[in-house]
Structures are given as structure tokens and as C-alpha cells.
Amino acid sequence: MRIERPTPVAGGLVLGIDAAWTAHQPSGVALVQQRGDAWSCVALAPSYQSFIDLAHGTPVDWAARPQGSRPEIDALLDAAERLGGGPVDLIAFDMPLSAEPIAQRRAADREVSRLFGNRGCAVHSPTAQRPGAIADRIREELQSRGYPLHTATDCAGPRGVIEVYPHVALLALLQRDYRVPYKVSRSLQYWKAEQLPVSERIRRLLVEFRQIRTALNQHIGAIALPLPEPEQVSALAALKPLEDSLDGLVCAWVGMEHLQGRTRGLGDSLAAIWCPEQAFRPGKDSPG
């Protein structure tokens, strides 16, 4: 469902979070800030704790394996305010969120899968177990901090939280016609017929990482994300923190687009997945 929204007010800070559906997996976090007509990356981290540590002067150790944890919303928002010099205007979450507890596939999931499934971007079905209580607690805590969930029927103002889906966002960002093959855990499936060695899969993933970072650099300055050369990476697992951090940045970019009124909410009055308007147009490789 698409509704008319009021003229957006440009916000100063957007927090993008690539949230893991379980507490034992780390989550990428990006904070971007608008200065005049330009946006820049204030902070980028591969886990909640490393983002909070940044606010206390501890730089990210990109060679370390980040630890997973439950999101402590108060600590994250306080860290973002410390890093950005003011309160966050919008939070863009890559996690199923709903005005009611999630027990099954939502209208938002069905609508995104209907529109983008033929482009490889159907969504996983949330359940009462995953993300379950984690998602419910995030929504409740954000609401208590003054960040309401933007659903498909809201005339949403700039302050709040939106659910986003990086796979669809990347169709727009990279002008692709099909899902971008950049997920570390799926590298074997991407090129299964070729039976590639790990070293070649690492090389191909890093090609995609660099294209994503280059595209993000067109919209966000000062992205301090070190991408190694393929020969410097000995294991696929070493790429996961970089993937999560890129996803956090993609979430933040969708938040930027949302503040400018350039997103469309797919779903209903309970939940919406917000997608860039550009994603609804054919990609550069599409026949029309």
C-alpha cells in the first residue's frame, strides 16, 4: 500500500542496524550524519558492543572476531548521540518489526516477496522464535524512547524507526536486475555449478563488497571500512564483519532516502518493509 506522506524534513542523524535474529550473532551498525546537503559516516562497527565502544574512544579492531549480543537500545542510542552530537532522527533496522508480536509471515513479507521474488529477493518468514522476543523488545524499547514504528498506513514524520531489507535496497543502489551475490554464508550456493575453491569465492565476494562501498560513497562520505586484498584473507569467516558493516551502511542509506520521501512502505497497518523508490524501476540489465 502506498500513501501520500507530508513533505519530509531533512534529519541530522540516521542509525542503520543490520540486526541479527539471534543474540549469539553480531550485528553491523552505521551512524550517518547530514551536514548541509552532504551526508557522511560518523561511525561504523561490526557489532553492538564495538559501536558502543567507539563512543568511548575505543576504535574498531577489524581483525578481531566480533561477539554477538542482544541489542541494548538505551546504550546504542546514547552512544549514537555521543558520537553524533545530538539525538538520532531515524533508525533503519534490518529485522522484522511489527506493532503486534510476530508469530507468522506478515503482509509485508508477502508483498516484498511478490514484487521482488522474481529478482531473487524474497524474504525469510519470521516466527515466534526467530526473531520473536528480540524483535518485540526492540520495538517496545524504541517506542518508549520516542521512536514509533513507521507502518504502511502512517503519515510518518522524520522521527521513528523503519524496517528495511538490504537485498532490495541493493537492487536500487547498484542498479541491478537481480539479487547481489555478496552474502558470505551463501557463497557456495552462488557459484555451486563452478565448484570454486574458497580463495576464488573470497575474491568474488570482495569484488561485490567493493562495488557496494563505491556505490555508497556516492551518497555517504568518509566511509572508513577497510577492505583487504583477496590474498590477505585466508578464511571466509573473516569477511563476515565487513559484510555486516556494509549492511548497516545500506540500512542507513535507506533511512536517508526515507527522510527525503523516496521510499515506499510495503505491508499494512501493523508492519512495513520500506524500499527505495528506485528499486521499483527496472535495473540496468533489465530489458525494459
C-alpha atoms as a PDB file:
ATOM      1  CA  MET A   1       0.000   0.000   0.000  1.00  0.00           C
ATOM      2  CA  ARG A   2       1.289   3.439  -0.911  1.00  0.00           C
ATOM      3  CA  ILE A   3       0.072   6.611   0.762  1.00  0.00           C
ATOM      4  CA  GLU A   4       0.884  10.287   0.458  1.00  0.00           C
ATOM      5  CA  ARG A   5       3.314  11.493   3.082  1.00  0.00           C
ATOM      6  CA  PRO A   6       3.930  15.056   4.174  1.00  0.00           C
ATOM      7  CA  THR A   7       6.917  16.952   2.843  1.00  0.00           C
ATOM      8  CA  PRO A   8       9.884  15.422   4.672  1.00  0.00           C
ATOM      9  CA  VAL A   9      12.122  17.356   6.986  1.00  0.00           C
ATOM     10  CA  ALA A  10      15.788  16.565   6.495  1.00  0.00           C
ATOM     11  CA  GLY A  11      17.180  14.902   9.581  1.00  0.00           C
ATOM     12  CA  GLY A  12      20.638  15.176  11.034  1.00  0.00           C
ATOM     13  CA  LEU A  13      21.412  11.613  12.161  1.00  0.00           C
ATOM     14  CA  VAL A  14      20.382   8.215  10.843  1.00  0.00           C
ATOM     15  CA  LEU A  15      21.286   4.969  12.601  1.00  0.00           C
ATOM     16  CA  GLY A  16      21.405   1.875  10.382  1.00  0.00           C
ATOM     17  CA  ILE A  17      21.374  -1.549  12.053  1.00  0.00           C
ATOM     18  CA  ASP A  18      21.827  -4.920  10.358  1.00  0.00           C
ATOM     19  CA  ALA A  19      20.270  -6.791  13.242  1.00  0.00           C
ATOM     20  CA  ALA A  20      20.922 -10.486  13.798  1.00  0.00           C
ATOM     21  CA  TRP A  21      17.807 -12.531  14.539  1.00  0.00           C
ATOM     22  CA  THR A  22      19.552 -14.280  17.444  1.00  0.00           C
ATOM     23  CA  ALA A  23      21.663 -12.999  20.323  1.00  0.00           C
ATOM     24  CA  HIS A  24      24.754 -15.069  19.505  1.00  0.00           C
ATOM     25  CA  GLN A  25      25.365 -13.466  16.092  1.00  0.00           C
ATOM     26  CA  PRO A  26      26.899  -9.972  15.765  1.00  0.00           C
ATOM     27  CA  SER A  27      25.065  -7.069  14.123  1.00  0.00           C
ATOM     28  CA  GLY A  28      26.529  -4.319  11.932  1.00  0.00           C
ATOM     29  CA  VAL A  29      25.871  -0.711  12.980  1.00  0.00           C
ATOM     30  CA  ALA A  30      26.349   2.513  10.996  1.00  0.00           C
ATOM     31  CA  LEU A  31      25.724   6.120  12.005  1.00  0.00           C
ATOM     32  CA  VAL A  32      25.492   8.749   9.256  1.00  0.00           C
ATOM     33  CA  GLN A  33      25.068  12.483   9.624  1.00  0.00           C
ATOM     34  CA  GLN A  34      23.807  15.203   7.324  1.00  0.00           C
ATOM     35  CA  ARG A  35      25.912  18.348   7.087  1.00  0.00           C
ATOM     36  CA  GLY A  36      24.376  20.818   4.673  1.00  0.00           C
ATOM     37  CA  ASP A  37      23.493  18.889   1.543  1.00  0.00           C
ATOM     38  CA  ALA A  38      26.028  16.120   2.162  1.00  0.00           C
ATOM     39  CA  TRP A  39      25.987  13.003   4.323  1.00  0.00           C
ATOM     40  CA  SER A  40      28.994  11.434   5.999  1.00  0.00           C
ATOM     41  CA  CYS A  41      29.668   8.316   8.045  1.00  0.00           C
ATOM     42  CA  VAL A  42      30.253   9.219  11.689  1.00  0.00           C
ATOM     43  CA  ALA A  43      30.738   5.690  12.984  1.00  0.00           C
ATOM     44  CA  LEU A  44      30.791   2.154  11.646  1.00  0.00           C
ATOM     45  CA  ALA A  45      31.136  -1.085  13.606  1.00  0.00           C
ATOM     46  CA  PRO A  46      30.570  -4.834  13.109  1.00  0.00           C
ATOM     47  CA  SER A  47      28.746  -5.376  16.423  1.00  0.00           C
ATOM     48  CA  TYR A  48      26.648  -3.585  19.013  1.00  0.00           C
ATOM     49  CA  GLN A  49      29.429  -3.619  21.580  1.00  0.00           C
ATOM     50  CA  SER A  50      32.100  -2.319  19.213  1.00  0.00           C
ATOM     51  CA  PHE A  51      29.766   0.562  18.263  1.00  0.00           C
ATOM     52  CA  ILE A  52      29.225   1.423  21.912  1.00  0.00           C
ATOM     53  CA  ASP A  53      32.990   1.168  22.485  1.00  0.00           C
ATOM     54  CA  LEU A  54      33.561   3.658  19.671  1.00  0.00           C
ATOM     55  CA  ALA A  55      31.573   6.226  21.635  1.00  0.00           C
ATOM     56  CA  HIS A  56      34.028   5.759  24.493  1.00  0.00           C
ATOM     57  CA  GLY A  57      37.118   6.189  22.369  1.00  0.00           C
ATOM     58  CA  THR A  58      37.970   2.578  21.542  1.00  0.00           C
ATOM     59  CA  PRO A  59      38.495   2.100  17.786  1.00  0.00           C
ATOM     60  CA  VAL A  60      37.174  -0.957  15.955  1.00  0.00           C
ATOM     61  CA  ASP A  61      39.607  -3.845  15.669  1.00  0.00           C
ATOM     62  CA  TRP A  62      38.664  -5.107  12.212  1.00  0.00           C
ATOM     63  CA  ALA A  63      40.943  -8.125  12.584  1.00  0.00           C
ATOM     64  CA  ALA A  64      39.103  -9.398  15.667  1.00  0.00           C
ATOM     65  CA  ARG A  65      36.038 -11.620  15.577  1.00  0.00           C
ATOM     66  CA  PRO A  66      33.081  -9.569  16.887  1.00  0.00           C
ATOM     67  CA  GLN A  67      30.842 -11.059  19.552  1.00  0.00           C
ATOM     68  CA  GLY A  68      27.070 -11.286  19.296  1.00  0.00           C
ATOM     69  CA  SER A  69      24.740  -9.853  21.932  1.00  0.00           C
ATOM     70  CA  ARG A  70      21.197  -8.656  22.428  1.00  0.00           C
ATOM     71  CA  PRO A  71      20.663  -5.043  21.375  1.00  0.00           C
ATOM     72  CA  GLU A  72      20.665  -2.688  24.350  1.00  0.00           C
ATOM     73  CA  ILE A  73      18.641   0.126  22.841  1.00  0.00           C
ATOM     74  CA  ASP A  74      19.396   2.719  25.520  1.00  0.00           C
ATOM     75  CA  ALA A  75      23.134   2.099  25.240  1.00  0.00           C
ATOM     76  CA  LEU A  76      23.049   2.194  21.424  1.00  0.00           C
ATOM     77  CA  LEU A  77      21.068   5.438  21.274  1.00  0.00           C
ATOM     78  CA  ASP A  78      23.232   7.042  23.940  1.00  0.00           C
ATOM     79  CA  ALA A  79      26.366   6.006  22.022  1.00  0.00           C
ATOM     80  CA  ALA A  80      24.923   7.406  18.783  1.00  0.00           C
ATOM     81  CA  GLU A  81      24.083  10.698  20.475  1.00  0.00           C
ATOM     82  CA  ARG A  82      27.588  10.913  21.909  1.00  0.00           C
ATOM     83  CA  LEU A  83      29.167  10.199  18.523  1.00  0.00           C
ATOM     84  CA  GLY A  84      26.831  12.438  16.515  1.00  0.00           C
ATOM     85  CA  GLY A  85      26.477  15.298  18.952  1.00  0.00           C
ATOM     86  CA  GLY A  86      22.692  15.042  19.126  1.00  0.00           C
ATOM     87  CA  PRO A  87      19.735  12.662  19.160  1.00  0.00           C
ATOM     88  CA  VAL A  88      19.164  10.245  16.300  1.00  0.00           C
ATOM     89  CA  ASP A  89      16.401  11.291  13.920  1.00  0.00           C
ATOM     90  CA  LEU A  90      15.657   7.936  12.292  1.00  0.00           C
ATOM     91  CA  ILE A  91      16.617   4.312  12.902  1.00  0.00           C
ATOM     92  CA  ALA A  92      16.626   1.846   9.976  1.00  0.00           C
ATOM     93  CA  PHE A  93      16.516  -1.787  11.127  1.00  0.00           C
ATOM     94  CA  ASP A  94      17.060  -4.898   9.029  1.00  0.00           C
ATOM     95  CA  MET A  95      14.841  -7.049  11.232  1.00  0.00           C
ATOM     96  CA  PRO A  96      11.135  -7.963  11.163  1.00  0.00           C
ATOM     97  CA  LEU A  97       9.304  -5.432  13.350  1.00  0.00           C
ATOM     98  CA  SER A  98       5.596  -5.147  13.978  1.00  0.00           C
ATOM     99  CA  ALA A  99       3.103  -3.233  16.094  1.00  0.00           C
ATOM    100  CA  GLU A 100       1.991  -6.631  17.428  1.00  0.00           C
ATOM    101  CA  PRO A 101       4.028  -9.724  18.400  1.00  0.00           C
ATOM    102  CA  ILE A 102       5.156 -11.621  15.299  1.00  0.00           C
ATOM    103  CA  ALA A 103       4.013 -15.218  15.080  1.00  0.00           C
ATOM    104  CA  GLN A 104       3.997 -15.904  11.348  1.00  0.00           C
ATOM    105  CA  ARG A 105       4.607 -14.493   7.876  1.00  0.00           C
ATOM    106  CA  ARG A 106       3.315 -10.934   7.632  1.00  0.00           C
ATOM    107  CA  ALA A 107       1.626  -8.956   4.860  1.00  0.00           C
ATOM    108  CA  ALA A 108       4.909  -7.053   4.486  1.00  0.00           C
ATOM    109  CA  ASP A 109       6.824 -10.288   3.838  1.00  0.00           C
ATOM    110  CA  ARG A 110       4.273 -11.482   1.298  1.00  0.00           C
ATOM    111  CA  GLU A 111       4.241  -8.173  -0.560  1.00  0.00           C
ATOM    112  CA  VAL A 112       8.030  -7.875  -0.843  1.00  0.00           C
ATOM    113  CA  SER A 113       8.271 -11.492  -1.993  1.00  0.00           C
ATOM    114  CA  ARG A 114       5.507 -10.936  -4.554  1.00  0.00           C
ATOM    115  CA  LEU A 115       7.164  -7.862  -6.032  1.00  0.00           C
ATOM    116  CA  PHE A 116      10.824  -8.859  -5.780  1.00  0.00           C
ATOM    117  CA  GLY A 117      10.858 -12.654  -5.589  1.00  0.00           C
ATOM    118  CA  ASN A 118      11.472 -12.952  -9.339  1.00  0.00           C
ATOM    119  CA  ARG A 119      14.573 -10.823  -8.809  1.00  0.00           C
ATOM    120  CA  GLY A 120      15.919 -13.170  -6.121  1.00  0.00           C
ATOM    121  CA  CYS A 121      14.793 -11.001  -3.208  1.00  0.00           C
ATOM    122  CA  ALA A 122      12.034 -12.919  -1.468  1.00  0.00           C
ATOM    123  CA  VAL A 123      12.206 -12.607   2.320  1.00  0.00           C
ATOM    124  CA  HIS A 124      12.568 -15.234   5.046  1.00  0.00           C
ATOM    125  CA  SER A 125       9.476 -15.880   7.149  1.00  0.00           C
ATOM    126  CA  PRO A 126       9.732 -14.608  10.730  1.00  0.00           C
ATOM    127  CA  THR A 127       8.375 -16.799  13.519  1.00  0.00           C
ATOM    128  CA  ALA A 128       7.572 -16.521  17.196  1.00  0.00           C
ATOM    129  CA  GLN A 129      11.050 -17.969  17.882  1.00  0.00           C
ATOM    130  CA  ARG A 130      13.118 -16.032  15.305  1.00  0.00           C
ATOM    131  CA  PRO A 131      13.377 -13.129  15.825  1.00  0.00           C
ATOM    132  CA  GLY A 132      10.485 -13.494  18.292  1.00  0.00           C
ATOM    133  CA  ALA A 133      11.027 -11.791  21.637  1.00  0.00           C
ATOM    134  CA  ILE A 134      14.121  -9.918  20.405  1.00  0.00           C
ATOM    135  CA  ALA A 135      12.066  -8.018  17.809  1.00  0.00           C
ATOM    136  CA  ASP A 136       9.208  -7.366  20.234  1.00  0.00           C
ATOM    137  CA  ARG A 137      11.581  -5.930  22.824  1.00  0.00           C
ATOM    138  CA  ILE A 138      13.329  -3.727  20.260  1.00  0.00           C
ATOM    139  CA  ARG A 139      10.033  -2.248  19.110  1.00  0.00           C
ATOM    140  CA  GLU A 140       8.822  -1.646  22.669  1.00  0.00           C
ATOM    141  CA  GLU A 141      12.071  -0.038  23.808  1.00  0.00           C
ATOM    142  CA  LEU A 142      12.278   2.197  20.747  1.00  0.00           C
ATOM    143  CA  GLN A 143       8.684   3.273  21.280  1.00  0.00           C
ATOM    144  CA  SER A 144       9.476   4.172  24.881  1.00  0.00           C
ATOM    145  CA  ARG A 145      12.401   6.296  23.689  1.00  0.00           C
ATOM    146  CA  GLY A 146      10.157   8.219  21.287  1.00  0.00           C
ATOM    147  CA  TYR A 147      10.801   6.260  18.092  1.00  0.00           C
ATOM    148  CA  PRO A 148       7.481   4.919  16.770  1.00  0.00           C
ATOM    149  CA  LEU A 149       7.419   2.197  14.138  1.00  0.00           C
ATOM    150  CA  HIS A 150       6.511   3.528  10.678  1.00  0.00           C
ATOM    151  CA  THR A 151       3.906   1.227   9.119  1.00  0.00           C
ATOM    152  CA  ALA A 152       2.474   1.291   5.600  1.00  0.00           C
ATOM    153  CA  THR A 153      -0.567   3.339   6.652  1.00  0.00           C
ATOM    154  CA  ASP A 154       1.301   6.019   8.620  1.00  0.00           C
ATOM    155  CA  CYS A 155       1.779   9.597   7.520  1.00  0.00           C
ATOM    156  CA  ALA A 156       5.224   9.259   9.017  1.00  0.00           C
ATOM    157  CA  GLY A 157       7.260  12.193  10.200  1.00  0.00           C
ATOM    158  CA  PRO A 158      11.058  12.106  10.230  1.00  0.00           C
ATOM    159  CA  ARG A 159      11.470  10.698  13.748  1.00  0.00           C
ATOM    160  CA  GLY A 160      10.937   6.993  14.248  1.00  0.00           C
ATOM    161  CA  VAL A 161      12.078   3.534  13.205  1.00  0.00           C
ATOM    162  CA  ILE A 162      11.655   1.766   9.880  1.00  0.00           C
ATOM    163  CA  GLU A 163      12.205  -1.824   8.829  1.00  0.00           C
ATOM    164  CA  VAL A 164      14.363  -2.204   5.711  1.00  0.00           C
ATOM    165  CA  TYR A 165      15.654  -5.048   3.548  1.00  0.00           C
ATOM    166  CA  PRO A 166      19.195  -4.625   2.180  1.00  0.00           C
ATOM    167  CA  HIS A 167      18.757  -7.096  -0.691  1.00  0.00           C
ATOM    168  CA  VAL A 168      16.038  -4.948  -2.264  1.00  0.00           C
ATOM    169  CA  ALA A 169      17.905  -1.754  -1.394  1.00  0.00           C
ATOM    170  CA  LEU A 170      20.973  -3.021  -3.249  1.00  0.00           C
ATOM    171  CA  LEU A 171      18.929  -3.515  -6.421  1.00  0.00           C
ATOM    172  CA  ALA A 172      18.416   0.238  -6.357  1.00  0.00           C
ATOM    173  CA  LEU A 173      21.833   1.242  -5.080  1.00  0.00           C
ATOM    174  CA  LEU A 174      23.748  -0.810  -7.682  1.00  0.00           C
ATOM    175  CA  GLN A 175      21.063  -0.616 -10.388  1.00  0.00           C
ATOM    176  CA  ARG A 176      21.000  -4.396 -10.580  1.00  0.00           C
ATOM    177  CA  ASP A 177      18.230  -6.513 -12.004  1.00  0.00           C
ATOM    178  CA  TYR A 178      18.893  -9.477  -9.699  1.00  0.00           C
ATOM    179  CA  ARG A 179      19.948 -10.113  -6.106  1.00  0.00           C
ATOM    180  CA  VAL A 180      23.557  -9.132  -5.412  1.00  0.00           C
ATOM    181  CA  PRO A 181      25.732 -12.186  -4.528  1.00  0.00           C
ATOM    182  CA  TYR A 182      27.608 -10.790  -1.541  1.00  0.00           C
ATOM    183  CA  LYS A 183      26.497 -12.916   1.423  1.00  0.00           C
ATOM    184  CA  VAL A 184      29.404 -14.887   2.903  1.00  0.00           C
ATOM    185  CA  SER A 185      27.227 -17.759   4.144  1.00  0.00           C
ATOM    186  CA  ARG A 186      25.760 -18.309   0.669  1.00  0.00           C
ATOM    187  CA  SER A 187      28.949 -18.171  -1.379  1.00  0.00           C
ATOM    188  CA  LEU A 188      28.899 -21.918  -2.052  1.00  0.00           C
ATOM    189  CA  GLN A 189      25.354 -21.715  -3.413  1.00  0.00           C
ATOM    190  CA  TYR A 190      26.049 -18.655  -5.578  1.00  0.00           C
ATOM    191  CA  TRP A 191      28.628 -20.474  -7.691  1.00  0.00           C
ATOM    192  CA  LYS A 192      27.763 -24.091  -6.935  1.00  0.00           C
ATOM    193  CA  ALA A 193      27.923 -25.242 -10.557  1.00  0.00           C
ATOM    194  CA  GLU A 194      31.504 -23.954 -10.872  1.00  0.00           C
ATOM    195  CA  GLN A 195      32.746 -25.723  -7.721  1.00  0.00           C
ATOM    196  CA  LEU A 196      35.004 -22.808  -6.876  1.00  0.00           C
ATOM    197  CA  PRO A 197      37.745 -23.037  -4.257  1.00  0.00           C
ATOM    198  CA  VAL A 198      37.435 -20.852  -1.185  1.00  0.00           C
ATOM    199  CA  SER A 199      40.091 -18.450  -2.476  1.00  0.00           C
ATOM    200  CA  GLU A 200      38.049 -17.678  -5.599  1.00  0.00           C
ATOM    201  CA  ARG A 201      34.846 -17.242  -3.625  1.00  0.00           C
ATOM    202  CA  ILE A 202      36.665 -14.794  -1.369  1.00  0.00           C
ATOM    203  CA  ARG A 203      37.871 -12.888  -4.427  1.00  0.00           C
ATOM    204  CA  ARG A 204      34.386 -12.676  -5.908  1.00  0.00           C
ATOM    205  CA  LEU A 205      32.792 -11.605  -2.645  1.00  0.00           C
ATOM    206  CA  LEU A 206      35.359  -8.817  -2.274  1.00  0.00           C
ATOM    207  CA  VAL A 207      34.557  -7.630  -5.803  1.00  0.00           C
ATOM    208  CA  GLU A 208      30.931  -7.241  -4.721  1.00  0.00           C
ATOM    209  CA  PHE A 209      31.958  -5.603  -1.432  1.00  0.00           C
ATOM    210  CA  ARG A 210      33.980  -3.002  -3.315  1.00  0.00           C
ATOM    211  CA  GLN A 211      31.135  -2.261  -5.706  1.00  0.00           C
ATOM    212  CA  ILE A 212      28.763  -1.789  -2.796  1.00  0.00           C
ATOM    213  CA  ARG A 213      31.203   0.506  -0.985  1.00  0.00           C
ATOM    214  CA  THR A 214      31.798   2.502  -4.176  1.00  0.00           C
ATOM    215  CA  ALA A 215      28.062   2.963  -4.688  1.00  0.00           C
ATOM    216  CA  LEU A 216      27.583   4.005  -1.060  1.00  0.00           C
ATOM    217  CA  ASN A 217      30.425   6.514  -1.440  1.00  0.00           C
ATOM    218  CA  GLN A 218      28.292   8.342  -3.985  1.00  0.00           C
ATOM    219  CA  HIS A 219      25.840   9.149  -1.185  1.00  0.00           C
ATOM    220  CA  ILE A 220      27.870   8.937   2.039  1.00  0.00           C
ATOM    221  CA  GLY A 221      31.314  10.386   2.588  1.00  0.00           C
ATOM    222  CA  ALA A 222      34.070   9.320   4.991  1.00  0.00           C
ATOM    223  CA  ILE A 223      33.267   5.597   4.967  1.00  0.00           C
ATOM    224  CA  ALA A 224      36.163   4.071   6.888  1.00  0.00           C
ATOM    225  CA  LEU A 225      35.718   0.418   6.016  1.00  0.00           C
ATOM    226  CA  PRO A 226      38.983  -1.391   5.278  1.00  0.00           C
ATOM    227  CA  LEU A 227      38.542  -3.972   2.534  1.00  0.00           C
ATOM    228  CA  PRO A 228      41.520  -6.337   2.231  1.00  0.00           C
ATOM    229  CA  GLU A 229      43.024  -7.777  -0.900  1.00  0.00           C
ATOM    230  CA  PRO A 230      41.912 -11.368  -1.607  1.00  0.00           C
ATOM    231  CA  GLU A 231      45.344 -12.804  -0.857  1.00  0.00           C
ATOM    232  CA  GLN A 232      45.182 -11.264   2.627  1.00  0.00           C
ATOM    233  CA  VAL A 233      42.085 -13.308   3.540  1.00  0.00           C
ATOM    234  CA  SER A 234      42.560 -16.944   4.493  1.00  0.00           C
ATOM    235  CA  ALA A 235      39.020 -17.815   5.599  1.00  0.00           C
ATOM    236  CA  LEU A 236      35.515 -16.813   4.572  1.00  0.00           C
ATOM    237  CA  ALA A 237      34.613 -16.060   8.197  1.00  0.00           C
ATOM    238  CA  ALA A 238      36.999 -13.105   8.133  1.00  0.00           C
ATOM    239  CA  LEU A 239      34.686 -11.375   5.640  1.00  0.00           C
ATOM    240  CA  LYS A 240      31.547 -11.574   7.792  1.00  0.00           C
ATOM    241  CA  PRO A 241      32.246  -8.441   9.906  1.00  0.00           C
ATOM    242  CA  LEU A 242      32.776  -6.482   6.684  1.00  0.00           C
ATOM    243  CA  GLU A 243      29.529  -7.816   5.207  1.00  0.00           C
ATOM    244  CA  ASP A 244      27.578  -6.904   8.361  1.00  0.00           C
ATOM    245  CA  SER A 245      29.055  -3.403   8.397  1.00  0.00           C
ATOM    246  CA  LEU A 246      28.177  -2.859   4.728  1.00  0.00           C
ATOM    247  CA  ASP A 247      24.635  -3.962   5.516  1.00  0.00           C
ATOM    248  CA  GLY A 248      24.495  -1.435   8.335  1.00  0.00           C
ATOM    249  CA  LEU A 249      25.511   1.268   5.866  1.00  0.00           C
ATOM    250  CA  VAL A 250      22.903   0.111   3.344  1.00  0.00           C
ATOM    251  CA  CYS A 251      20.272   0.318   6.086  1.00  0.00           C
ATOM    252  CA  ALA A 252      21.412   3.856   6.871  1.00  0.00           C
ATOM    253  CA  TRP A 253      21.197   4.805   3.185  1.00  0.00           C
ATOM    254  CA  VAL A 254      17.578   3.618   3.039  1.00  0.00           C
ATOM    255  CA  GLY A 255      16.949   5.749   6.123  1.00  0.00           C
ATOM    256  CA  MET A 256      18.402   8.741   4.287  1.00  0.00           C
ATOM    257  CA  GLU A 257      16.085   8.056   1.356  1.00  0.00           C
ATOM    258  CA  HIS A 258      13.152   7.730   3.748  1.00  0.00           C
ATOM    259  CA  LEU A 259      13.810  11.154   5.238  1.00  0.00           C
ATOM    260  CA  GLN A 260      13.652  12.589   1.724  1.00  0.00           C
ATOM    261  CA  GLY A 261      10.360  10.847   0.938  1.00  0.00           C
ATOM    262  CA  ARG A 262      11.944   8.475  -1.572  1.00  0.00           C
ATOM    263  CA  THR A 263      10.822   5.142  -0.074  1.00  0.00           C
ATOM    264  CA  ARG A 264       7.714   3.011  -0.353  1.00  0.00           C
ATOM    265  CA  GLY A 265       6.292   1.003   2.546  1.00  0.00           C
ATOM    266  CA  LEU A 266       5.139  -2.498   1.643  1.00  0.00           C
ATOM    267  CA  GLY A 267       2.798  -4.059   4.181  1.00  0.00           C
ATOM    268  CA  ASP A 268      -0.156  -2.946   6.270  1.00  0.00           C
ATOM    269  CA  SER A 269      -1.056  -1.044   9.431  1.00  0.00           C
ATOM    270  CA  LEU A 270       0.969  -3.455  11.589  1.00  0.00           C
ATOM    271  CA  ALA A 271       4.274  -3.603   9.743  1.00  0.00           C
ATOM    272  CA  ALA A 272       6.007  -2.343   6.631  1.00  0.00           C
ATOM    273  CA  ILE A 273       9.267  -3.033   4.845  1.00  0.00           C
ATOM    274  CA  TRP A 274      10.486   0.258   3.403  1.00  0.00           C
ATOM    275  CA  CYS A 275      12.145   0.052  -0.012  1.00  0.00           C
ATOM    276  CA  PRO A 276      13.816   2.783  -2.093  1.00  0.00           C
ATOM    277  CA  GLU A 277      11.615   4.030  -4.910  1.00  0.00           C
ATOM    278  CA  GLN A 278      14.430   3.262  -7.354  1.00  0.00           C
ATOM    279  CA  ALA A 279      14.049  -0.454  -6.605  1.00  0.00           C
ATOM    280  CA  PHE A 280      10.652  -0.470  -8.291  1.00  0.00           C
ATOM    281  CA  ARG A 281      12.217   0.530 -11.617  1.00  0.00           C
ATOM    282  CA  PRO A 282      13.963  -1.908 -13.960  1.00  0.00           C
ATOM    283  CA  GLY A 283      17.682  -2.425 -13.333  1.00  0.00           C
ATOM    284  CA  LYS A 284      20.339  -1.507 -15.837  1.00  0.00           C
ATOM    285  CA  ASP A 285      20.378  -5.070 -17.187  1.00  0.00           C
ATOM    286  CA  SER A 286      16.601  -5.330 -17.459  1.00  0.00           C
ATOM    287  CA  PRO A 287      15.022  -5.462 -20.925  1.00  0.00           C
ATOM    288  CA  GLY A 288      12.575  -2.734 -20.074  1.00  0.00           C
END
